[in-house]
Amino acid sequence: MEAQATAKYLRISPSKLMQVIPLIKGKRGDVAENILQMTQKKASYLIHKTLASCFANLRMRSPLSELKDIRIKNIMVGPGPTMKRTIPISRGRANRILKRTAHLTVLIEKV
């Protein structure tokens, strides 16, 4: 049995999310949760929230599911829309700042 959760428009760049994903991909649920709690990055907090939502989706389908009985099957990160801002620089010019967003999808399965 599988469950999926998606977090959209996360205010973090996809490349920063990709730094944390290899740490937990393919791991059991309780091991992945411990890794995410010990990793001190904003990305780990966002992935942990999405993983908890995904586990709640699985619990709606099969109420007897435990966190140790699941495995993270896949985690996908895609780019979201980019917010464009300007910052003034010398001689009356302006530089563009790109504030990137990301979409995160977590897929788990019961083992």
PDB file of N, CA and C in Angstrom:
ATOM      1  N   MET A   1       0.849  -1.171   0.000  1.00  0.00           N
ATOM      2  CA  MET A   1       0.000   0.000   0.000  1.00  0.00           C
ATOM      3  C   MET A   1       0.897   1.236   0.000  1.00  0.00           C
ATOM      4  N   GLU A   2       0.526   2.211  -0.803  1.00  0.00           N
ATOM      5  CA  GLU A   2       1.318   3.429  -0.939  1.00  0.00           C
ATOM      6  C   GLU A   2       0.519   4.645  -0.516  1.00  0.00           C
ATOM      7  N   ALA A   3       1.234   5.690  -0.166  1.00  0.00           N
ATOM      8  CA  ALA A   3       0.625   6.984   0.142  1.00  0.00           C
ATOM      9  C   ALA A   3       1.557   8.070  -0.369  1.00  0.00           C
ATOM     10  N   GLN A   4       0.964   9.217  -0.663  1.00  0.00           N
ATOM     11  CA  GLN A   4       1.725  10.319  -1.244  1.00  0.00           C
ATOM     12  C   GLN A   4       1.293  11.624  -0.603  1.00  0.00           C
ATOM     13  N   ALA A   5       2.247  12.531  -0.447  1.00  0.00           N
ATOM     14  CA  ALA A   5       1.954  13.879   0.041  1.00  0.00           C
ATOM     15  C   ALA A   5       2.810  14.857  -0.754  1.00  0.00           C
ATOM     16  N   THR A   6       2.242  16.017  -1.028  1.00  0.00           N
ATOM     17  CA  THR A   6       2.936  17.038  -1.804  1.00  0.00           C
ATOM     18  C   THR A   6       2.898  18.354  -1.052  1.00  0.00           C
ATOM     19  N   ALA A   7       4.039  19.000  -0.964  1.00  0.00           N
ATOM     20  CA  ALA A   7       4.140  20.349  -0.403  1.00  0.00           C
ATOM     21  C   ALA A   7       4.552  21.265  -1.547  1.00  0.00           C
ATOM     22  N   LYS A   8       3.744  22.270  -1.808  1.00  0.00           N
ATOM     23  CA  LYS A   8       4.017  23.155  -2.939  1.00  0.00           C
ATOM     24  C   LYS A   8       4.406  24.539  -2.457  1.00  0.00           C
ATOM     25  N   TYR A   9       5.117  25.236  -3.312  1.00  0.00           N
ATOM     26  CA  TYR A   9       5.520  26.634  -3.105  1.00  0.00           C
ATOM     27  C   TYR A   9       6.349  26.806  -1.831  1.00  0.00           C
ATOM     28  N   LEU A  10       7.258  25.873  -1.574  1.00  0.00           N
ATOM     29  CA  LEU A  10       8.146  25.985  -0.418  1.00  0.00           C
ATOM     30  C   LEU A  10       9.176  27.076  -0.689  1.00  0.00           C
ATOM     31  N   ARG A  11       9.408  27.952   0.268  1.00  0.00           N
ATOM     32  CA  ARG A  11      10.319  29.078   0.086  1.00  0.00           C
ATOM     33  C   ARG A  11      11.764  28.661   0.356  1.00  0.00           C
ATOM     34  N   ILE A  12      12.219  27.707  -0.430  1.00  0.00           N
ATOM     35  CA  ILE A  12      13.595  27.230  -0.370  1.00  0.00           C
ATOM     36  C   ILE A  12      13.937  26.751  -1.775  1.00  0.00           C
ATOM     37  N   SER A  13      15.179  26.895  -2.165  1.00  0.00           N
ATOM     38  CA  SER A  13      15.545  26.500  -3.522  1.00  0.00           C
ATOM     39  C   SER A  13      15.589  24.974  -3.630  1.00  0.00           C
ATOM     40  N   PRO A  14      15.281  24.435  -4.805  1.00  0.00           N
ATOM     41  CA  PRO A  14      15.309  22.981  -4.977  1.00  0.00           C
ATOM     42  C   PRO A  14      16.687  22.375  -4.706  1.00  0.00           C
ATOM     43  N   SER A  15      17.751  23.110  -5.003  1.00  0.00           N
ATOM     44  CA  SER A  15      19.090  22.558  -4.773  1.00  0.00           C
ATOM     45  C   SER A  15      19.374  22.371  -3.284  1.00  0.00           C
ATOM     46  N   LYS A  16      18.827  23.229  -2.433  1.00  0.00           N
ATOM     47  CA  LYS A  16      19.019  23.068  -0.990  1.00  0.00           C
ATOM     48  C   LYS A  16      18.203  21.890  -0.456  1.00  0.00           C
ATOM     49  N   LEU A  17      17.034  21.636  -1.042  1.00  0.00           N
ATOM     50  CA  LEU A  17      16.266  20.451  -0.656  1.00  0.00           C
ATOM     51  C   LEU A  17      16.997  19.178  -1.071  1.00  0.00           C
ATOM     52  N   MET A  18      17.651  19.218  -2.230  1.00  0.00           N
ATOM     53  CA  MET A  18      18.333  18.038  -2.747  1.00  0.00           C
ATOM     54  C   MET A  18      19.528  17.626  -1.891  1.00  0.00           C
ATOM     55  N   GLN A  19      20.034  18.513  -1.044  1.00  0.00           N
ATOM     56  CA  GLN A  19      21.150  18.156  -0.171  1.00  0.00           C
ATOM     57  C   GLN A  19      20.728  17.175   0.918  1.00  0.00           C
ATOM     58  N   VAL A  20      19.475  17.224   1.338  1.00  0.00           N
ATOM     59  CA  VAL A  20      19.007  16.383   2.447  1.00  0.00           C
ATOM     60  C   VAL A  20      18.396  15.074   1.948  1.00  0.00           C
ATOM     61  N   ILE A  21      17.867  15.059   0.748  1.00  0.00           N
ATOM     62  CA  ILE A  21      17.118  13.905   0.247  1.00  0.00           C
ATOM     63  C   ILE A  21      17.937  12.610   0.198  1.00  0.00           C
ATOM     64  N   PRO A  22      19.196  12.616  -0.253  1.00  0.00           N
ATOM     65  CA  PRO A  22      19.933  11.337  -0.277  1.00  0.00           C
ATOM     66  C   PRO A  22      20.139  10.712   1.104  1.00  0.00           C
ATOM     67  N   LEU A  23      20.029  11.494   2.155  1.00  0.00           N
ATOM     68  CA  LEU A  23      20.208  10.952   3.504  1.00  0.00           C
ATOM     69  C   LEU A  23      19.082  10.007   3.906  1.00  0.00           C
ATOM     70  N   ILE A  24      17.872  10.207   3.356  1.00  0.00           N
ATOM     71  CA  ILE A  24      16.717   9.434   3.831  1.00  0.00           C
ATOM     72  C   ILE A  24      16.048   8.596   2.750  1.00  0.00           C
ATOM     73  N   LYS A  25      16.434   8.745   1.505  1.00  0.00           N
ATOM     74  CA  LYS A  25      15.765   8.018   0.427  1.00  0.00           C
ATOM     75  C   LYS A  25      16.001   6.513   0.583  1.00  0.00           C
ATOM     76  N   GLY A  26      14.917   5.736   0.589  1.00  0.00           N
ATOM     77  CA  GLY A  26      15.000   4.290   0.719  1.00  0.00           C
ATOM     78  C   GLY A  26      15.067   3.780   2.147  1.00  0.00           C
ATOM     79  N   LYS A  27      15.073   4.656   3.129  1.00  0.00           N
ATOM     80  CA  LYS A  27      15.185   4.259   4.532  1.00  0.00           C
ATOM     81  C   LYS A  27      13.806   3.937   5.117  1.00  0.00           C
ATOM     82  N   ARG A  28      13.815   3.247   6.269  1.00  0.00           N
ATOM     83  CA  ARG A  28      12.575   2.999   7.001  1.00  0.00           C
ATOM     84  C   ARG A  28      12.073   4.304   7.593  1.00  0.00           C
ATOM     85  N   GLY A  29      10.802   4.341   7.952  1.00  0.00           N
ATOM     86  CA  GLY A  29      10.180   5.562   8.439  1.00  0.00           C
ATOM     87  C   GLY A  29      10.772   6.091   9.725  1.00  0.00           C
ATOM     88  N   ASP A  30      10.994   5.209  10.713  1.00  0.00           N
ATOM     89  CA  ASP A  30      11.528   5.685  11.988  1.00  0.00           C
ATOM     90  C   ASP A  30      12.983   6.130  11.865  1.00  0.00           C
ATOM     91  N   VAL A  31      13.760   5.459  11.022  1.00  0.00           N
ATOM     92  CA  VAL A  31      15.155   5.854  10.803  1.00  0.00           C
ATOM     93  C   VAL A  31      15.213   7.207  10.106  1.00  0.00           C
ATOM     94  N   ALA A  32      14.357   7.384   9.101  1.00  0.00           N
ATOM     95  CA  ALA A  32      14.329   8.652   8.369  1.00  0.00           C
ATOM     96  C   ALA A  32      13.907   9.801   9.276  1.00  0.00           C
ATOM     97  N   GLU A  33      12.958   9.544  10.163  1.00  0.00           N
ATOM     98  CA  GLU A  33      12.515  10.593  11.080  1.00  0.00           C
ATOM     99  C   GLU A  33      13.642  11.009  12.024  1.00  0.00           C
ATOM    100  N   ASN A  34      14.405  10.049  12.522  1.00  0.00           N
ATOM    101  CA  ASN A  34      15.538  10.373  13.392  1.00  0.00           C
ATOM    102  C   ASN A  34      16.600  11.175  12.654  1.00  0.00           C
ATOM    103  N   ILE A  35      16.881  10.796  11.418  1.00  0.00           N
ATOM    104  CA  ILE A  35      17.876  11.526  10.627  1.00  0.00           C
ATOM    105  C   ILE A  35      17.423  12.960  10.406  1.00  0.00           C
ATOM    106  N   LEU A  36      16.152  13.141  10.070  1.00  0.00           N
ATOM    107  CA  LEU A  36      15.645  14.491   9.801  1.00  0.00           C
ATOM    108  C   LEU A  36      15.646  15.352  11.059  1.00  0.00           C
ATOM    109  N   GLN A  37      15.367  14.757  12.206  1.00  0.00           N
ATOM    110  CA  GLN A  37      15.368  15.532  13.447  1.00  0.00           C
ATOM    111  C   GLN A  37      16.775  15.943  13.856  1.00  0.00           C
ATOM    112  N   MET A  38      17.773  15.154  13.503  1.00  0.00           N
ATOM    113  CA  MET A  38      19.145  15.469  13.887  1.00  0.00           C
ATOM    114  C   MET A  38      19.857  16.368  12.873  1.00  0.00           C
ATOM    115  N   THR A  39      19.327  16.474  11.671  1.00  0.00           N
ATOM    116  CA  THR A  39      19.939  17.318  10.649  1.00  0.00           C
ATOM    117  C   THR A  39      19.471  18.746  10.854  1.00  0.00           C
ATOM    118  N   GLN A  40      20.405  19.655  11.017  1.00  0.00           N
ATOM    119  CA  GLN A  40      20.047  21.035  11.314  1.00  0.00           C
ATOM    120  C   GLN A  40      20.028  21.872  10.041  1.00  0.00           C
ATOM    121  N   LYS A  41      19.010  21.642   9.240  1.00  0.00           N
ATOM    122  CA  LYS A  41      18.805  22.419   8.021  1.00  0.00           C
ATOM    123  C   LYS A  41      17.320  22.726   7.898  1.00  0.00           C
ATOM    124  N   LYS A  42      17.021  23.832   7.239  1.00  0.00           N
ATOM    125  CA  LYS A  42      15.628  24.192   7.004  1.00  0.00           C
ATOM    126  C   LYS A  42      14.952  23.132   6.137  1.00  0.00           C
ATOM    127  N   ALA A  43      15.697  22.566   5.198  1.00  0.00           N
ATOM    128  CA  ALA A  43      15.145  21.556   4.303  1.00  0.00           C
ATOM    129  C   ALA A  43      14.690  20.323   5.074  1.00  0.00           C
ATOM    130  N   SER A  44      15.417  19.936   6.111  1.00  0.00           N
ATOM    131  CA  SER A  44      15.031  18.747   6.870  1.00  0.00           C
ATOM    132  C   SER A  44      13.717  18.969   7.609  1.00  0.00           C
ATOM    133  N   TYR A  45      13.489  20.186   8.092  1.00  0.00           N
ATOM    134  CA  TYR A  45      12.220  20.509   8.748  1.00  0.00           C
ATOM    135  C   TYR A  45      11.061  20.403   7.749  1.00  0.00           C
ATOM    136  N   LEU A  46      11.244  20.935   6.544  1.00  0.00           N
ATOM    137  CA  LEU A  46      10.182  20.908   5.543  1.00  0.00           C
ATOM    138  C   LEU A  46       9.909  19.484   5.060  1.00  0.00           C
ATOM    139  N   ILE A  47      10.958  18.687   4.887  1.00  0.00           N
ATOM    140  CA  ILE A  47      10.777  17.298   4.473  1.00  0.00           C
ATOM    141  C   ILE A  47      10.101  16.503   5.587  1.00  0.00           C
ATOM    142  N   HIS A  48      10.448  16.785   6.830  1.00  0.00           N
ATOM    143  CA  HIS A  48       9.834  16.092   7.971  1.00  0.00           C
ATOM    144  C   HIS A  48       8.335  16.375   8.032  1.00  0.00           C
ATOM    145  N   LYS A  49       7.940  17.618   7.795  1.00  0.00           N
ATOM    146  CA  LYS A  49       6.513  17.955   7.798  1.00  0.00           C
ATOM    147  C   LYS A  49       5.773  17.229   6.680  1.00  0.00           C
ATOM    148  N   THR A  50       6.375  17.155   5.505  1.00  0.00           N
ATOM    149  CA  THR A  50       5.738  16.478   4.381  1.00  0.00           C
ATOM    150  C   THR A  50       5.679  14.972   4.621  1.00  0.00           C
ATOM    151  N   LEU A  51       6.721  14.416   5.222  1.00  0.00           N
ATOM    152  CA  LEU A  51       6.726  12.989   5.546  1.00  0.00           C
ATOM    153  C   LEU A  51       5.646  12.660   6.575  1.00  0.00           C
ATOM    154  N   ALA A  52       5.444  13.529   7.554  1.00  0.00           N
ATOM    155  CA  ALA A  52       4.389  13.321   8.551  1.00  0.00           C
ATOM    156  C   ALA A  52       3.010  13.373   7.899  1.00  0.00           C
ATOM    157  N   SER A  53       2.829  14.271   6.953  1.00  0.00           N
ATOM    158  CA  SER A  53       1.562  14.351   6.228  1.00  0.00           C
ATOM    159  C   SER A  53       1.334  13.097   5.393  1.00  0.00           C
ATOM    160  N   CYS A  54       2.384  12.594   4.783  1.00  0.00           N
ATOM    161  CA  CYS A  54       2.290  11.382   3.978  1.00  0.00           C
ATOM    162  C   CYS A  54       1.931  10.177   4.860  1.00  0.00           C
ATOM    163  N   PHE A  55       2.526  10.104   6.041  1.00  0.00           N
ATOM    164  CA  PHE A  55       2.208   9.022   6.972  1.00  0.00           C
ATOM    165  C   PHE A  55       0.764   9.122   7.449  1.00  0.00           C
ATOM    166  N   ALA A  56       0.270  10.339   7.656  1.00  0.00           N
ATOM    167  CA  ALA A  56      -1.131  10.528   8.045  1.00  0.00           C
ATOM    168  C   ALA A  56      -2.063  10.078   6.926  1.00  0.00           C
ATOM    169  N   ASN A  57      -1.670  10.321   5.674  1.00  0.00           N
ATOM    170  CA  ASN A  57      -2.471   9.847   4.542  1.00  0.00           C
ATOM    171  C   ASN A  57      -2.524   8.321   4.517  1.00  0.00           C
ATOM    172  N   LEU A  58      -1.404   7.676   4.839  1.00  0.00           N
ATOM    173  CA  LEU A  58      -1.380   6.216   4.884  1.00  0.00           C
ATOM    174  C   LEU A  58      -2.234   5.688   6.033  1.00  0.00           C
ATOM    175  N   ARG A  59      -2.209   6.373   7.175  1.00  0.00           N
ATOM    176  CA  ARG A  59      -3.008   5.954   8.331  1.00  0.00           C
ATOM    177  C   ARG A  59      -4.508   6.056   8.050  1.00  0.00           C
ATOM    178  N   MET A  60      -4.910   6.958   7.163  1.00  0.00           N
ATOM    179  CA  MET A  60      -6.327   7.053   6.798  1.00  0.00           C
ATOM    180  C   MET A  60      -6.766   5.815   6.019  1.00  0.00           C
ATOM    181  N   ARG A  61      -5.856   5.239   5.235  1.00  0.00           N
ATOM    182  CA  ARG A  61      -6.199   4.063   4.438  1.00  0.00           C
ATOM    183  C   ARG A  61      -6.099   2.772   5.244  1.00  0.00           C
ATOM    184  N   SER A  62      -5.031   2.652   6.030  1.00  0.00           N
ATOM    185  CA  SER A  62      -4.872   1.461   6.870  1.00  0.00           C
ATOM    186  C   SER A  62      -4.507   1.922   8.281  1.00  0.00           C
ATOM    187  N   PRO A  63      -5.475   1.944   9.188  1.00  0.00           N
ATOM    188  CA  PRO A  63      -5.275   2.524  10.525  1.00  0.00           C
ATOM    189  C   PRO A  63      -4.223   1.832  11.385  1.00  0.00           C
ATOM    190  N   LEU A  64      -3.858   0.602  11.084  1.00  0.00           N
ATOM    191  CA  LEU A  64      -2.911  -0.120  11.930  1.00  0.00           C
ATOM    192  C   LEU A  64      -1.459   0.071  11.500  1.00  0.00           C
ATOM    193  N   SER A  65      -1.195   1.042  10.666  1.00  0.00           N
ATOM    194  CA  SER A  65       0.171   1.283  10.190  1.00  0.00           C
ATOM    195  C   SER A  65       1.033   1.882  11.289  1.00  0.00           C
ATOM    196  N   GLU A  66       2.278   1.460  11.320  1.00  0.00           N
ATOM    197  CA  GLU A  66       3.269   1.993  12.258  1.00  0.00           C
ATOM    198  C   GLU A  66       4.382   2.649  11.454  1.00  0.00           C
ATOM    199  N   LEU A  67       5.065   3.590  12.080  1.00  0.00           N
ATOM    200  CA  LEU A  67       6.133   4.321  11.404  1.00  0.00           C
ATOM    201  C   LEU A  67       7.300   3.403  11.049  1.00  0.00           C
ATOM    202  N   LYS A  68       7.534   2.364  11.856  1.00  0.00           N
ATOM    203  CA  LYS A  68       8.641   1.448  11.571  1.00  0.00           C
ATOM    204  C   LYS A  68       8.317   0.494  10.425  1.00  0.00           C
ATOM    205  N   ASP A  69       7.032   0.414  10.031  1.00  0.00           N
ATOM    206  CA  ASP A  69       6.619  -0.509   8.977  1.00  0.00           C
ATOM    207  C   ASP A  69       6.570   0.132   7.598  1.00  0.00           C
ATOM    208  N   ILE A  70       6.998   1.376   7.478  1.00  0.00           N
ATOM    209  CA  ILE A  70       6.954   2.025   6.171  1.00  0.00           C
ATOM    210  C   ILE A  70       8.370   2.237   5.653  1.00  0.00           C
ATOM    211  N   ARG A  71       8.464   2.422   4.346  1.00  0.00           N
ATOM    212  CA  ARG A  71       9.730   2.707   3.692  1.00  0.00           C
ATOM    213  C   ARG A  71       9.509   3.869   2.742  1.00  0.00           C
ATOM    214  N   ILE A  72      10.466   4.774   2.693  1.00  0.00           N
ATOM    215  CA  ILE A  72      10.360   5.911   1.778  1.00  0.00           C
ATOM    216  C   ILE A  72      10.715   5.410   0.388  1.00  0.00           C
ATOM    217  N   LYS A  73       9.716   5.351  -0.462  1.00  0.00           N
ATOM    218  CA  LYS A  73       9.908   4.800  -1.795  1.00  0.00           C
ATOM    219  C   LYS A  73      10.564   5.811  -2.725  1.00  0.00           C
ATOM    220  N   ASN A  74      10.087   7.053  -2.691  1.00  0.00           N
ATOM    221  CA  ASN A  74      10.625   8.058  -3.599  1.00  0.00           C
ATOM    222  C   ASN A  74      10.374   9.447  -3.029  1.00  0.00           C
ATOM    223  N   ILE A  75      11.303  10.344  -3.282  1.00  0.00           N
ATOM    224  CA  ILE A  75      11.136  11.759  -2.951  1.00  0.00           C
ATOM    225  C   ILE A  75      11.512  12.543  -4.194  1.00  0.00           C
ATOM    226  N   MET A  76      10.598  13.381  -4.641  1.00  0.00           N
ATOM    227  CA  MET A  76      10.841  14.166  -5.850  1.00  0.00           C
ATOM    228  C   MET A  76      10.797  15.647  -5.514  1.00  0.00           C
ATOM    229  N   VAL A  77      11.721  16.382  -6.085  1.00  0.00           N
ATOM    230  CA  VAL A  77      11.771  17.829  -5.909  1.00  0.00           C
ATOM    231  C   VAL A  77      11.712  18.458  -7.284  1.00  0.00           C
ATOM    232  N   GLY A  78      10.829  19.428  -7.426  1.00  0.00           N
ATOM    233  CA  GLY A  78      10.733  20.164  -8.673  1.00  0.00           C
ATOM    234  C   GLY A  78      10.767  21.652  -8.411  1.00  0.00           C
ATOM    235  N   PRO A  79      11.119  22.413  -9.418  1.00  0.00           N
ATOM    236  CA  PRO A  79      11.139  23.869  -9.227  1.00  0.00           C
ATOM    237  C   PRO A  79       9.732  24.438  -9.224  1.00  0.00           C
ATOM    238  N   GLY A  80       9.518  25.398  -8.371  1.00  0.00           N
ATOM    239  CA  GLY A  80       8.268  26.139  -8.352  1.00  0.00           C
ATOM    240  C   GLY A  80       8.475  27.465  -9.069  1.00  0.00           C
ATOM    241  N   PRO A  81       7.524  28.359  -8.959  1.00  0.00           N
ATOM    242  CA  PRO A  81       7.703  29.668  -9.584  1.00  0.00           C
ATOM    243  C   PRO A  81       8.793  30.465  -8.875  1.00  0.00           C
ATOM    244  N   THR A  82       9.469  31.289  -9.629  1.00  0.00           N
ATOM    245  CA  THR A  82      10.546  32.109  -9.087  1.00  0.00           C
ATOM    246  C   THR A  82      10.051  33.534  -8.909  1.00  0.00           C
ATOM    247  N   MET A  83      10.231  34.071  -7.693  1.00  0.00           N
ATOM    248  CA  MET A  83       9.872  35.467  -7.445  1.00  0.00           C
ATOM    249  C   MET A  83      11.069  36.330  -7.817  1.00  0.00           C
ATOM    250  N   LYS A  84      10.814  37.380  -8.553  1.00  0.00           N
ATOM    251  CA  LYS A  84      11.889  38.247  -9.004  1.00  0.00           C
ATOM    252  C   LYS A  84      11.840  39.559  -8.241  1.00  0.00           C
ATOM    253  N   ARG A  85      12.951  39.906  -7.615  1.00  0.00           N
ATOM    254  CA  ARG A  85      13.065  41.144  -6.852  1.00  0.00           C
ATOM    255  C   ARG A  85      14.254  41.930  -7.377  1.00  0.00           C
ATOM    256  N   THR A  86      14.266  43.223  -7.102  1.00  0.00           N
ATOM    257  CA  THR A  86      15.403  44.040  -7.517  1.00  0.00           C
ATOM    258  C   THR A  86      16.051  44.670  -6.298  1.00  0.00           C
ATOM    259  N   ILE A  87      17.354  44.897  -6.408  1.00  0.00           N
ATOM    260  CA  ILE A  87      18.105  45.554  -5.353  1.00  0.00           C
ATOM    261  C   ILE A  87      18.887  46.693  -6.008  1.00  0.00           C
ATOM    262  N   PRO A  88      18.788  47.897  -5.469  1.00  0.00           N
ATOM    263  CA  PRO A  88      19.506  49.015  -6.091  1.00  0.00           C
ATOM    264  C   PRO A  88      21.019  48.889  -5.878  1.00  0.00           C
ATOM    265  N   ILE A  89      21.753  49.235  -6.931  1.00  0.00           N
ATOM    266  CA  ILE A  89      23.211  49.274  -6.843  1.00  0.00           C
ATOM    267  C   ILE A  89      23.676  50.649  -7.301  1.00  0.00           C
ATOM    268  N   SER A  90      24.955  50.815  -7.441  1.00  0.00           N
ATOM    269  CA  SER A  90      25.506  52.139  -7.750  1.00  0.00           C
ATOM    270  C   SER A  90      25.112  52.621  -9.147  1.00  0.00           C
ATOM    271  N   ARG A  91      25.245  53.926  -9.357  1.00  0.00           N
ATOM    272  CA  ARG A  91      24.973  54.606 -10.630  1.00  0.00           C
ATOM    273  C   ARG A  91      23.518  54.477 -11.073  1.00  0.00           C
ATOM    274  N   GLY A  92      22.617  54.321 -10.143  1.00  0.00           N
ATOM    275  CA  GLY A  92      21.198  54.300 -10.480  1.00  0.00           C
ATOM    276  C   GLY A  92      20.725  53.023 -11.140  1.00  0.00           C
ATOM    277  N   ARG A  93      21.521  51.989 -11.092  1.00  0.00           N
ATOM    278  CA  ARG A  93      21.121  50.728 -11.711  1.00  0.00           C
ATOM    279  C   ARG A  93      20.488  49.804 -10.665  1.00  0.00           C
ATOM    280  N   ALA A  94      20.027  48.661 -11.132  1.00  0.00           N
ATOM    281  CA  ALA A  94      19.422  47.683 -10.222  1.00  0.00           C
ATOM    282  C   ALA A  94      19.813  46.279 -10.671  1.00  0.00           C
ATOM    283  N   ASN A  95      20.047  45.423  -9.715  1.00  0.00           N
ATOM    284  CA  ASN A  95      20.297  44.010  -9.985  1.00  0.00           C
ATOM    285  C   ASN A  95      19.070  43.202  -9.608  1.00  0.00           C
ATOM    286  N   ARG A  96      18.905  42.091 -10.286  1.00  0.00           N
ATOM    287  CA  ARG A  96      17.764  41.221 -10.034  1.00  0.00           C
ATOM    288  C   ARG A  96      18.151  40.131  -9.040  1.00  0.00           C
ATOM    289  N   ILE A  97      17.276  39.884  -8.085  1.00  0.00           N
ATOM    290  CA  ILE A  97      17.441  38.786  -7.134  1.00  0.00           C
ATOM    291  C   ILE A  97      16.338  37.777  -7.423  1.00  0.00           C
ATOM    292  N   LEU A  98      16.716  36.510  -7.557  1.00  0.00           N
ATOM    293  CA  LEU A  98      15.753  35.447  -7.831  1.00  0.00           C
ATOM    294  C   LEU A  98      15.494  34.679  -6.539  1.00  0.00           C
ATOM    295  N   LYS A  99      14.270  34.724  -6.065  1.00  0.00           N
ATOM    296  CA  LYS A  99      13.878  33.978  -4.869  1.00  0.00           C
ATOM    297  C   LYS A  99      13.149  32.720  -5.348  1.00  0.00           C
ATOM    298  N   ARG A 100      13.855  31.618  -5.275  1.00  0.00           N
ATOM    299  CA  ARG A 100      13.346  30.374  -5.849  1.00  0.00           C
ATOM    300  C   ARG A 100      12.414  29.648  -4.875  1.00  0.00           C
ATOM    301  N   THR A 101      11.465  28.929  -5.433  1.00  0.00           N
ATOM    302  CA  THR A 101      10.568  28.088  -4.649  1.00  0.00           C
ATOM    303  C   THR A 101      10.656  26.658  -5.182  1.00  0.00           C
ATOM    304  N   ALA A 102      10.106  25.724  -4.426  1.00  0.00           N
ATOM    305  CA  ALA A 102      10.197  24.315  -4.802  1.00  0.00           C
ATOM    306  C   ALA A 102       8.891  23.602  -4.490  1.00  0.00           C
ATOM    307  N   HIS A 103       8.660  22.524  -5.216  1.00  0.00           N
ATOM    308  CA  HIS A 103       7.562  21.606  -4.943  1.00  0.00           C
ATOM    309  C   HIS A 103       8.191  20.280  -4.499  1.00  0.00           C
ATOM    310  N   LEU A 104       7.688  19.720  -3.399  1.00  0.00           N
ATOM    311  CA  LEU A 104       8.240  18.494  -2.824  1.00  0.00           C
ATOM    312  C   LEU A 104       7.153  17.430  -2.787  1.00  0.00           C
ATOM    313  N   THR A 105       7.458  16.238  -3.301  1.00  0.00           N
ATOM    314  CA  THR A 105       6.525  15.113  -3.279  1.00  0.00           C
ATOM    315  C   THR A 105       7.201  13.929  -2.600  1.00  0.00           C
ATOM    316  N   VAL A 106       6.529  13.363  -1.599  1.00  0.00           N
ATOM    317  CA  VAL A 106       7.052  12.209  -0.864  1.00  0.00           C
ATOM    318  C   VAL A 106       6.119  11.032  -1.111  1.00  0.00           C
ATOM    319  N   LEU A 107       6.703   9.885  -1.459  1.00  0.00           N
ATOM    320  CA  LEU A 107       5.944   8.666  -1.711  1.00  0.00           C
ATOM    321  C   LEU A 107       6.470   7.579  -0.774  1.00  0.00           C
ATOM    322  N   ILE A 108       5.574   7.013   0.046  1.00  0.00           N
ATOM    323  CA  ILE A 108       5.976   5.953   0.975  1.00  0.00           C
ATOM    324  C   ILE A 108       5.183   4.688   0.667  1.00  0.00           C
ATOM    325  N   GLU A 109       5.715   3.565   1.114  1.00  0.00           N
ATOM    326  CA  GLU A 109       5.014   2.294   0.945  1.00  0.00           C
ATOM    327  C   GLU A 109       5.120   1.488   2.226  1.00  0.00           C
ATOM    328  N   LYS A 110       4.136   0.657   2.427  1.00  0.00           N
ATOM    329  CA  LYS A 110       4.106  -0.207   3.607  1.00  0.00           C
ATOM    330  C   LYS A 110       4.852  -1.492   3.276  1.00  0.00           C
ATOM    331  N   VAL A 111       5.758  -1.887   4.163  1.00  0.00           N
ATOM    332  CA  VAL A 111       6.530  -3.117   3.908  1.00  0.00           C
ATOM    333  C   VAL A 111       6.005  -4.263   4.740  1.00  0.00           C
TER     334      VAL A 111
END
